[in-house]
C-alpha atoms as a PDB file:
ATOM      1  CA  UNK A   1      28.812 -27.124 -31.907  1.00  0.00           C
ATOM      2  CA  UNK A   2      25.668 -25.708 -33.187  1.00  0.00           C
ATOM      3  CA  UNK A   3      25.026 -27.175 -37.256  1.00  0.00           C
ATOM      4  CA  UNK A   4      22.902 -25.329 -39.597  1.00  0.00           C
ATOM      5  CA  UNK A   5      21.214 -27.137 -42.740  1.00  0.00           C
ATOM      6  CA  UNK A   6      21.507 -25.360 -45.676  1.00  0.00           C
ATOM      7  CA  UNK A   7      18.486 -25.262 -47.859  1.00  0.00           C
ATOM      8  CA  UNK A   8      17.113 -23.134 -50.936  1.00  0.00           C
ATOM      9  CA  UNK A   9      16.108 -20.794 -48.876  1.00  0.00           C
ATOM     10  CA  UNK A  10      19.272 -20.052 -46.822  1.00  0.00           C
ATOM     11  CA  UNK A  11      22.089 -20.955 -49.743  1.00  0.00           C
ATOM     12  CA  UNK A  12      22.584 -17.999 -50.778  1.00  0.00           C
ATOM     13  CA  UNK A  13      23.558 -16.089 -47.721  1.00  0.00           C
ATOM     14  CA  UNK A  14      25.314 -19.474 -46.131  1.00  0.00           C
ATOM     15  CA  UNK A  15      29.019 -20.109 -46.221  1.00  0.00           C
ATOM     16  CA  UNK A  16      29.248 -23.664 -47.881  1.00  0.00           C
ATOM     17  CA  UNK A  17      32.867 -24.480 -48.723  1.00  0.00           C
ATOM     18  CA  UNK A  18      36.038 -26.103 -47.411  1.00  0.00           C
ATOM     19  CA  UNK A  19      38.616 -23.563 -48.201  1.00  0.00           C
ATOM     20  CA  UNK A  20      36.765 -20.932 -50.077  1.00  0.00           C
ATOM     21  CA  UNK A  21      36.244 -17.718 -47.875  1.00  0.00           C
ATOM     22  CA  UNK A  22      34.613 -15.410 -50.520  1.00  0.00           C
ATOM     23  CA  UNK A  23      31.049 -16.013 -51.322  1.00  0.00           C
ATOM     24  CA  UNK A  24      31.326 -14.365 -54.616  1.00  0.00           C
ATOM     25  CA  UNK A  25      34.462 -16.361 -55.822  1.00  0.00           C
ATOM     26  CA  UNK A  26      33.880 -18.612 -58.992  1.00  0.00           C
ATOM     27  CA  UNK A  27      34.019 -21.215 -57.034  1.00  0.00           C
ATOM     28  CA  UNK A  28      31.445 -20.722 -54.930  1.00  0.00           C
ATOM     29  CA  UNK A  29      29.031 -19.726 -57.500  1.00  0.00           C
ATOM     30  CA  UNK A  30      29.723 -23.176 -59.270  1.00  0.00           C
ATOM     31  CA  UNK A  31      29.129 -25.212 -55.933  1.00  0.00           C
ATOM     32  CA  UNK A  32      25.674 -23.525 -55.099  1.00  0.00           C
ATOM     33  CA  UNK A  33      24.203 -23.923 -58.502  1.00  0.00           C
ATOM     34  CA  UNK A  34      25.143 -27.834 -58.661  1.00  0.00           C
ATOM     35  CA  UNK A  35      23.361 -27.558 -55.024  1.00  0.00           C
ATOM     36  CA  UNK A  36      20.356 -25.515 -55.631  1.00  0.00           C
ATOM     37  CA  UNK A  37      19.540 -28.098 -58.501  1.00  0.00           C
ATOM     38  CA  UNK A  38      20.116 -31.110 -56.026  1.00  0.00           C
ATOM     39  CA  UNK A  39      17.509 -29.970 -53.010  1.00  0.00           C
ATOM     40  CA  UNK A  40      14.422 -31.635 -54.862  1.00  0.00           C
ATOM     41  CA  UNK A  41      16.502 -34.825 -54.620  1.00  0.00           C
ATOM     42  CA  UNK A  42      16.854 -35.025 -51.673  1.00  0.00           C
ATOM     43  CA  UNK A  43      20.051 -33.870 -50.951  1.00  0.00           C
ATOM     44  CA  UNK A  44      21.091 -32.725 -47.469  1.00  0.00           C
ATOM     45  CA  UNK A  45      23.965 -30.178 -46.592  1.00  0.00           C
ATOM     46  CA  UNK A  46      24.642 -29.888 -42.975  1.00  0.00           C
ATOM     47  CA  UNK A  47      27.347 -27.504 -42.009  1.00  0.00           C
ATOM     48  CA  UNK A  48      28.545 -26.058 -38.619  1.00  0.00           C
ATOM     49  CA  UNK A  49      28.003 -22.423 -37.860  1.00  0.00           C
ATOM     50  CA  UNK A  50      31.852 -22.190 -38.417  1.00  0.00           C
ATOM     51  CA  UNK A  51      32.394 -20.879 -41.626  1.00  0.00           C
ATOM     52  CA  UNK A  52      33.197 -24.271 -43.896  1.00  0.00           C
ATOM     53  CA  UNK A  53      35.181 -25.806 -41.006  1.00  0.00           C
ATOM     54  CA  UNK A  54      32.069 -28.778 -40.856  1.00  0.00           C
ATOM     55  CA  UNK A  55      30.038 -30.163 -42.622  1.00  0.00           C
ATOM     56  CA  UNK A  56      28.150 -33.482 -44.487  1.00  0.00           C
ATOM     57  CA  UNK A  57      26.410 -33.422 -47.656  1.00  0.00           C
ATOM     58  CA  UNK A  58      24.394 -36.793 -48.568  1.00  0.00           C
ATOM     59  CA  UNK A  59      21.702 -37.281 -50.974  1.00  0.00           C
ATOM     60  CA  UNK A  60      19.480 -40.865 -51.347  1.00  0.00           C
ATOM     61  CA  UNK A  61      21.611 -43.123 -53.641  1.00  0.00           C
ATOM     62  CA  UNK A  62      19.471 -43.085 -56.897  1.00  0.00           C
ATOM     63  CA  UNK A  63      20.563 -39.448 -57.188  1.00  0.00           C
ATOM     64  CA  UNK A  64      24.279 -39.465 -56.325  1.00  0.00           C
ATOM     65  CA  UNK A  65      26.532 -38.483 -59.417  1.00  0.00           C
ATOM     66  CA  UNK A  66      28.376 -41.764 -59.014  1.00  0.00           C
ATOM     67  CA  UNK A  67      28.096 -44.930 -60.892  1.00  0.00           C
ATOM     68  CA  UNK A  68      26.138 -47.127 -58.172  1.00  0.00           C
ATOM     69  CA  UNK A  69      23.858 -49.414 -57.905  1.00  0.00           C
ATOM     70  CA  UNK A  70      22.554 -48.660 -54.046  1.00  0.00           C
ATOM     71  CA  UNK A  71      19.060 -47.880 -54.411  1.00  0.00           C
ATOM     72  CA  UNK A  72      17.696 -47.398 -50.714  1.00  0.00           C
ATOM     73  CA  UNK A  73      20.557 -46.250 -49.587  1.00  0.00           C
ATOM     74  CA  UNK A  74      21.694 -42.646 -48.973  1.00  0.00           C
ATOM     75  CA  UNK A  75      25.101 -41.894 -50.653  1.00  0.00           C
ATOM     76  CA  UNK A  76      27.547 -39.539 -48.702  1.00  0.00           C
ATOM     77  CA  UNK A  77      29.062 -37.113 -51.049  1.00  0.00           C
ATOM     78  CA  UNK A  78      31.507 -35.868 -48.518  1.00  0.00           C
ATOM     79  CA  UNK A  79      32.058 -35.910 -44.472  1.00  0.00           C
ATOM     80  CA  UNK A  80      34.772 -32.683 -43.745  1.00  0.00           C
ATOM     81  CA  UNK A  81      36.045 -31.775 -40.829  1.00  0.00           C
ATOM     82  CA  UNK A  82      38.886 -28.879 -41.024  1.00  0.00           C
ATOM     83  CA  UNK A  83      42.127 -29.365 -39.465  1.00  0.00           C
ATOM     84  CA  UNK A  84      41.789 -27.297 -35.759  1.00  0.00           C
ATOM     85  CA  UNK A  85      38.189 -28.760 -35.693  1.00  0.00           C
ATOM     86  CA  UNK A  86      39.251 -32.171 -35.484  1.00  0.00           C
ATOM     87  CA  UNK A  87      38.985 -34.456 -31.782  1.00  0.00           C
ATOM     88  CA  UNK A  88      36.276 -32.785 -30.702  1.00  0.00           C
ATOM     89  CA  UNK A  89      33.247 -35.395 -31.946  1.00  0.00           C
ATOM     90  CA  UNK A  90      32.072 -33.122 -34.604  1.00  0.00           C
ATOM     91  CA  UNK A  91      32.495 -36.008 -37.358  1.00  0.00           C
ATOM     92  CA  UNK A  92      30.400 -38.109 -35.004  1.00  0.00           C
ATOM     93  CA  UNK A  93      27.611 -35.498 -34.685  1.00  0.00           C
ATOM     94  CA  UNK A  94      27.337 -35.165 -38.789  1.00  0.00           C
ATOM     95  CA  UNK A  95      27.702 -38.690 -39.348  1.00  0.00           C
ATOM     96  CA  UNK A  96      24.693 -39.376 -36.478  1.00  0.00           C
ATOM     97  CA  UNK A  97      22.844 -36.818 -37.380  1.00  0.00           C
ATOM     98  CA  UNK A  98      22.531 -38.140 -41.088  1.00  0.00           C
ATOM     99  CA  UNK A  99      21.964 -41.619 -39.701  1.00  0.00           C
ATOM    100  CA  UNK A 100      18.963 -40.297 -37.772  1.00  0.00           C
ATOM    101  CA  UNK A 101      17.774 -38.649 -40.450  1.00  0.00           C
ATOM    102  CA  UNK A 102      18.416 -41.593 -43.254  1.00  0.00           C
ATOM    103  CA  UNK A 103      16.694 -44.276 -41.074  1.00  0.00           C
ATOM    104  CA  UNK A 104      13.631 -41.352 -40.738  1.00  0.00           C
ATOM    105  CA  UNK A 105      13.719 -41.724 -44.198  1.00  0.00           C
ATOM    106  CA  UNK A 106      13.354 -45.523 -44.552  1.00  0.00           C
ATOM    107  CA  UNK A 107      16.652 -45.463 -46.007  1.00  0.00           C
ATOM    108  CA  UNK A 108      18.454 -49.199 -46.249  1.00  0.00           C
ATOM    109  CA  UNK A 109      21.894 -47.977 -44.575  1.00  0.00           C
ATOM    110  CA  UNK A 110      24.605 -45.594 -45.845  1.00  0.00           C
ATOM    111  CA  UNK A 111      27.539 -45.873 -48.508  1.00  0.00           C
ATOM    112  CA  UNK A 112      30.760 -43.899 -48.754  1.00  0.00           C
ATOM    113  CA  UNK A 113      33.797 -44.097 -51.410  1.00  0.00           C
ATOM    114  CA  UNK A 114      37.256 -44.560 -49.688  1.00  0.00           C
ATOM    115  CA  UNK A 115      40.275 -46.498 -49.961  1.00  0.00           C
ATOM    116  CA  UNK A 116      42.530 -48.792 -48.269  1.00  0.00           C
ATOM    117  CA  UNK A 117      44.836 -45.958 -46.590  1.00  0.00           C
ATOM    118  CA  UNK A 118      43.633 -42.527 -46.710  1.00  0.00           C
ATOM    119  CA  UNK A 119      43.981 -40.374 -49.595  1.00  0.00           C
ATOM    120  CA  UNK A 120      42.807 -36.609 -50.333  1.00  0.00           C
ATOM    121  CA  UNK A 121      39.403 -36.136 -50.626  1.00  0.00           C
ATOM    122  CA  UNK A 122      38.086 -39.278 -50.309  1.00  0.00           C
ATOM    123  CA  UNK A 123      36.616 -40.559 -46.680  1.00  0.00           C
ATOM    124  CA  UNK A 124      39.015 -42.171 -43.876  1.00  0.00           C
ATOM    125  CA  UNK A 125      39.170 -45.778 -43.656  1.00  0.00           C
ATOM    126  CA  UNK A 126      40.060 -45.927 -40.122  1.00  0.00           C
ATOM    127  CA  UNK A 127      37.167 -43.232 -39.375  1.00  0.00           C
ATOM    128  CA  UNK A 128      34.770 -45.469 -41.530  1.00  0.00           C
ATOM    129  CA  UNK A 129      36.026 -48.864 -39.554  1.00  0.00           C
ATOM    130  CA  UNK A 130      35.701 -47.088 -36.121  1.00  0.00           C
ATOM    131  CA  UNK A 131      31.616 -46.254 -37.274  1.00  0.00           C
ATOM    132  CA  UNK A 132      31.532 -50.112 -38.181  1.00  0.00           C
ATOM    133  CA  UNK A 133      31.200 -49.275 -42.118  1.00  0.00           C
ATOM    134  CA  UNK A 134      32.682 -52.559 -44.052  1.00  0.00           C
ATOM    135  CA  UNK A 135      33.804 -52.781 -47.930  1.00  0.00           C
ATOM    136  CA  UNK A 136      31.230 -53.924 -49.946  1.00  0.00           C
ATOM    137  CA  UNK A 137      32.782 -53.423 -53.542  1.00  0.00           C
ATOM    138  CA  UNK A 138      35.998 -52.467 -55.166  1.00  0.00           C
ATOM    139  CA  UNK A 139      37.216 -51.042 -58.023  1.00  0.00           C
ATOM    140  CA  UNK A 140      40.409 -52.234 -60.089  1.00  0.00           C
ATOM    141  CA  UNK A 141      41.893 -48.762 -59.351  1.00  0.00           C
ATOM    142  CA  UNK A 142      41.836 -49.097 -55.582  1.00  0.00           C
ATOM    143  CA  UNK A 143      38.752 -46.920 -54.821  1.00  0.00           C
ATOM    144  CA  UNK A 144      36.334 -48.801 -52.824  1.00  0.00           C
ATOM    145  CA  UNK A 145      32.736 -48.795 -51.735  1.00  0.00           C
ATOM    146  CA  UNK A 146      31.714 -48.765 -48.167  1.00  0.00           C
ATOM    147  CA  UNK A 147      28.642 -49.146 -46.309  1.00  0.00           C
ATOM    148  CA  UNK A 148      26.691 -49.321 -42.999  1.00  0.00           C
ATOM    149  CA  UNK A 149      23.313 -51.205 -43.255  1.00  0.00           C
ATOM    150  CA  UNK A 150      20.480 -50.708 -41.014  1.00  0.00           C
ATOM    151  CA  UNK A 151      19.423 -54.031 -40.808  1.00  0.00           C
ATOM    152  CA  UNK A 152      21.487 -57.698 -41.813  1.00  0.00           C
ATOM    153  CA  UNK A 153      19.082 -58.406 -44.353  1.00  0.00           C
ATOM    154  CA  UNK A 154      19.965 -54.740 -46.368  1.00  0.00           C
ATOM    155  CA  UNK A 155      21.830 -56.328 -49.753  1.00  0.00           C
ATOM    156  CA  UNK A 156      25.070 -54.401 -50.491  1.00  0.00           C
ATOM    157  CA  UNK A 157      25.050 -51.392 -52.705  1.00  0.00           C
ATOM    158  CA  UNK A 158      28.002 -51.793 -55.590  1.00  0.00           C
ATOM    159  CA  UNK A 159      30.306 -50.187 -58.522  1.00  0.00           C
ATOM    160  CA  UNK A 160      28.272 -50.133 -61.675  1.00  0.00           C
ATOM    161  CA  UNK A 161      30.570 -51.982 -64.362  1.00  0.00           C
ATOM    162  CA  UNK A 162      31.523 -49.101 -66.389  1.00  0.00           C
ATOM    163  CA  UNK A 163      33.455 -48.260 -62.932  1.00  0.00           C
ATOM    164  CA  UNK A 164      34.876 -51.963 -62.190  1.00  0.00           C
ATOM    165  CA  UNK A 165      37.646 -51.349 -63.997  1.00  0.00           C
ATOM    166  CA  UNK A 166      38.487 -47.507 -64.989  1.00  0.00           C
ATOM    167  CA  UNK A 167      40.099 -46.680 -67.896  1.00  0.00           C
ATOM    168  CA  UNK A 168      39.627 -44.360 -71.054  1.00  0.00           C
ATOM    169  CA  UNK A 169      40.552 -44.515 -74.461  1.00  0.00           C
ATOM    170  CA  UNK A 170      43.371 -42.393 -76.197  1.00  0.00           C
ATOM    171  CA  UNK A 171      46.307 -40.909 -75.727  1.00  0.00           C
ATOM    172  CA  UNK A 172      47.267 -38.143 -73.132  1.00  0.00           C
ATOM    173  CA  UNK A 173      45.570 -36.777 -70.428  1.00  0.00           C
ATOM    174  CA  UNK A 174      41.942 -36.968 -70.129  1.00  0.00           C
ATOM    175  CA  UNK A 175      40.196 -35.665 -67.146  1.00  0.00           C
ATOM    176  CA  UNK A 176      36.782 -36.693 -65.844  1.00  0.00           C
ATOM    177  CA  UNK A 177      34.653 -33.936 -63.290  1.00  0.00           C
ATOM    178  CA  UNK A 178      31.798 -32.619 -62.114  1.00  0.00           C
ATOM    179  CA  UNK A 179      30.937 -29.217 -60.397  1.00  0.00           C
ATOM    180  CA  UNK A 180      30.136 -31.099 -57.440  1.00  0.00           C
ATOM    181  CA  UNK A 181      33.783 -30.627 -55.902  1.00  0.00           C
ATOM    182  CA  UNK A 182      33.851 -25.824 -56.005  1.00  0.00           C
ATOM    183  CA  UNK A 183      38.036 -26.359 -56.622  1.00  0.00           C
ATOM    184  CA  UNK A 184      37.088 -27.524 -59.829  1.00  0.00           C
ATOM    185  CA  UNK A 185      35.672 -24.318 -61.494  1.00  0.00           C
ATOM    186  CA  UNK A 186      38.756 -22.550 -60.952  1.00  0.00           C
ATOM    187  CA  UNK A 187      41.588 -24.936 -61.400  1.00  0.00           C
ATOM    188  CA  UNK A 188      40.087 -27.092 -64.047  1.00  0.00           C
ATOM    189  CA  UNK A 189      40.376 -24.033 -66.911  1.00  0.00           C
ATOM    190  CA  UNK A 190      43.992 -23.581 -65.080  1.00  0.00           C
ATOM    191  CA  UNK A 191      45.445 -27.054 -65.951  1.00  0.00           C
ATOM    192  CA  UNK A 192      43.726 -26.663 -69.391  1.00  0.00           C
ATOM    193  CA  UNK A 193      45.628 -23.738 -70.421  1.00  0.00           C
ATOM    194  CA  UNK A 194      49.240 -25.169 -68.524  1.00  0.00           C
ATOM    195  CA  UNK A 195      48.864 -28.146 -70.791  1.00  0.00           C
ATOM    196  CA  UNK A 196      48.295 -26.055 -74.093  1.00  0.00           C
ATOM    197  CA  UNK A 197      51.067 -23.926 -73.124  1.00  0.00           C
ATOM    198  CA  UNK A 198      53.797 -26.224 -72.438  1.00  0.00           C
ATOM    199  CA  UNK A 199      52.355 -28.751 -75.379  1.00  0.00           C
ATOM    200  CA  UNK A 200      50.367 -31.573 -73.451  1.00  0.00           C
ATOM    201  CA  UNK A 201      47.456 -33.661 -74.833  1.00  0.00           C
ATOM    202  CA  UNK A 202      44.836 -32.970 -72.246  1.00  0.00           C
ATOM    203  CA  UNK A 203      41.019 -33.297 -72.697  1.00  0.00           C
ATOM    204  CA  UNK A 204      38.406 -32.260 -69.593  1.00  0.00           C
ATOM    205  CA  UNK A 205      35.331 -34.146 -70.001  1.00  0.00           C
ATOM    206  CA  UNK A 206      32.729 -32.020 -67.784  1.00  0.00           C
ATOM    207  CA  UNK A 207      29.944 -34.630 -66.200  1.00  0.00           C
ATOM    208  CA  UNK A 208      26.824 -31.931 -66.423  1.00  0.00           C
ATOM    209  CA  UNK A 209      24.189 -34.665 -65.901  1.00  0.00           C
ATOM    210  CA  UNK A 210      23.453 -37.379 -63.361  1.00  0.00           C
ATOM    211  CA  UNK A 211      23.341 -40.205 -66.117  1.00  0.00           C
ATOM    212  CA  UNK A 212      26.696 -38.905 -67.089  1.00  0.00           C
ATOM    213  CA  UNK A 213      28.089 -39.389 -64.182  1.00  0.00           C
ATOM    214  CA  UNK A 214      26.495 -42.666 -62.983  1.00  0.00           C
ATOM    215  CA  UNK A 215      27.981 -43.845 -66.408  1.00  0.00           C
ATOM    216  CA  UNK A 216      31.277 -42.428 -66.239  1.00  0.00           C
ATOM    217  CA  UNK A 217      34.186 -44.468 -66.047  1.00  0.00           C
ATOM    218  CA  UNK A 218      35.396 -44.315 -62.741  1.00  0.00           C
ATOM    219  CA  UNK A 219      33.930 -44.714 -59.221  1.00  0.00           C
ATOM    220  CA  UNK A 220      34.978 -41.093 -58.314  1.00  0.00           C
ATOM    221  CA  UNK A 221      33.528 -38.180 -60.456  1.00  0.00           C
ATOM    222  CA  UNK A 222      34.284 -35.425 -58.835  1.00  0.00           C
ATOM    223  CA  UNK A 223      37.794 -35.570 -60.127  1.00  0.00           C
ATOM    224  CA  UNK A 224      39.859 -38.644 -62.203  1.00  0.00           C
ATOM    225  CA  UNK A 225      42.631 -37.982 -64.142  1.00  0.00           C
ATOM    226  CA  UNK A 226      43.480 -40.682 -66.689  1.00  0.00           C
ATOM    227  CA  UNK A 227      46.893 -40.843 -68.583  1.00  0.00           C
ATOM    228  CA  UNK A 228      47.222 -42.701 -71.730  1.00  0.00           C
ATOM    229  CA  UNK A 229      43.833 -44.505 -70.919  1.00  0.00           C
ATOM    230  CA  UNK A 230      45.409 -45.280 -67.213  1.00  0.00           C
ATOM    231  CA  UNK A 231      43.701 -43.599 -64.201  1.00  0.00           C
ATOM    232  CA  UNK A 232      46.047 -41.524 -62.407  1.00  0.00           C
ATOM    233  CA  UNK A 233      44.306 -39.815 -59.379  1.00  0.00           C
ATOM    234  CA  UNK A 234      41.827 -38.410 -57.681  1.00  0.00           C
ATOM    235  CA  UNK A 235      43.505 -35.529 -55.961  1.00  0.00           C
ATOM    236  CA  UNK A 236      42.870 -31.669 -57.748  1.00  0.00           C
ATOM    237  CA  UNK A 237      45.208 -30.276 -59.526  1.00  0.00           C
ATOM    238  CA  UNK A 238      46.752 -26.520 -60.052  1.00  0.00           C
ATOM    239  CA  UNK A 239      49.301 -25.830 -62.629  1.00  0.00           C
ATOM    240  CA  UNK A 240      52.220 -26.081 -60.561  1.00  0.00           C
ATOM    241  CA  UNK A 241      51.012 -30.114 -59.196  1.00  0.00           C
ATOM    242  CA  UNK A 242      49.924 -30.907 -63.280  1.00  0.00           C
ATOM    243  CA  UNK A 243      53.383 -29.947 -64.456  1.00  0.00           C
ATOM    244  CA  UNK A 244      54.907 -32.135 -61.665  1.00  0.00           C
ATOM    245  CA  UNK A 245      53.089 -35.161 -62.238  1.00  0.00           C
ATOM    246  CA  UNK A 246      53.432 -34.964 -66.336  1.00  0.00           C
ATOM    247  CA  UNK A 247      56.959 -34.903 -65.781  1.00  0.00           C
ATOM    248  CA  UNK A 248      56.793 -38.112 -64.089  1.00  0.00           C
ATOM    249  CA  UNK A 249      54.041 -39.680 -66.329  1.00  0.00           C
END
């Protein structure tokens, strides 16, 4: 497999999204705008030549849009290999490239979010364990911080206190999200309108800066949905999924 590093110079012409083929889609534009502002902070986006099928996105943890205390580490935003491309070693290729690059940059190790059992939009814990990652911190909602140190004396990263017990004030649904996930640009407005149409209390909080994201009340900032103060899910919703969830809540 051949891989391409997306940069400011080739960002506009490269396909960067995992499940969106139209480069002019609002979701793609939103994601590319977010990426463009991150490259100067050290973000790396490495992808396969196949359109959106395999990629890894990582950034120095000091600049991660998550409430972490992980200075000196590299934080992996996303490691994605699409269905038919799984089982061919592409995840290993991408992770190895990240490790090599991070070591060359003097990083202490890698860290990434996951859970004890695989959940959508989070890293597979079985794969992380296979690659020698271990859990170094865990929030009350089950979200775990895994890490791969490059030396035995590297201090483990951890969550900030604001994210250890995910909870928000107020009744109804509250969504915290960033533009890091391209799907949000399309589906957050859809869910907002669906909630309004059905008289469901709903409020979306768009985290628009690193400072806001690093002080969020949730380890997962790409998408974190709460109901009556309680954390529910990090899985992106469309109108059908949201109404089904609301009927159960």
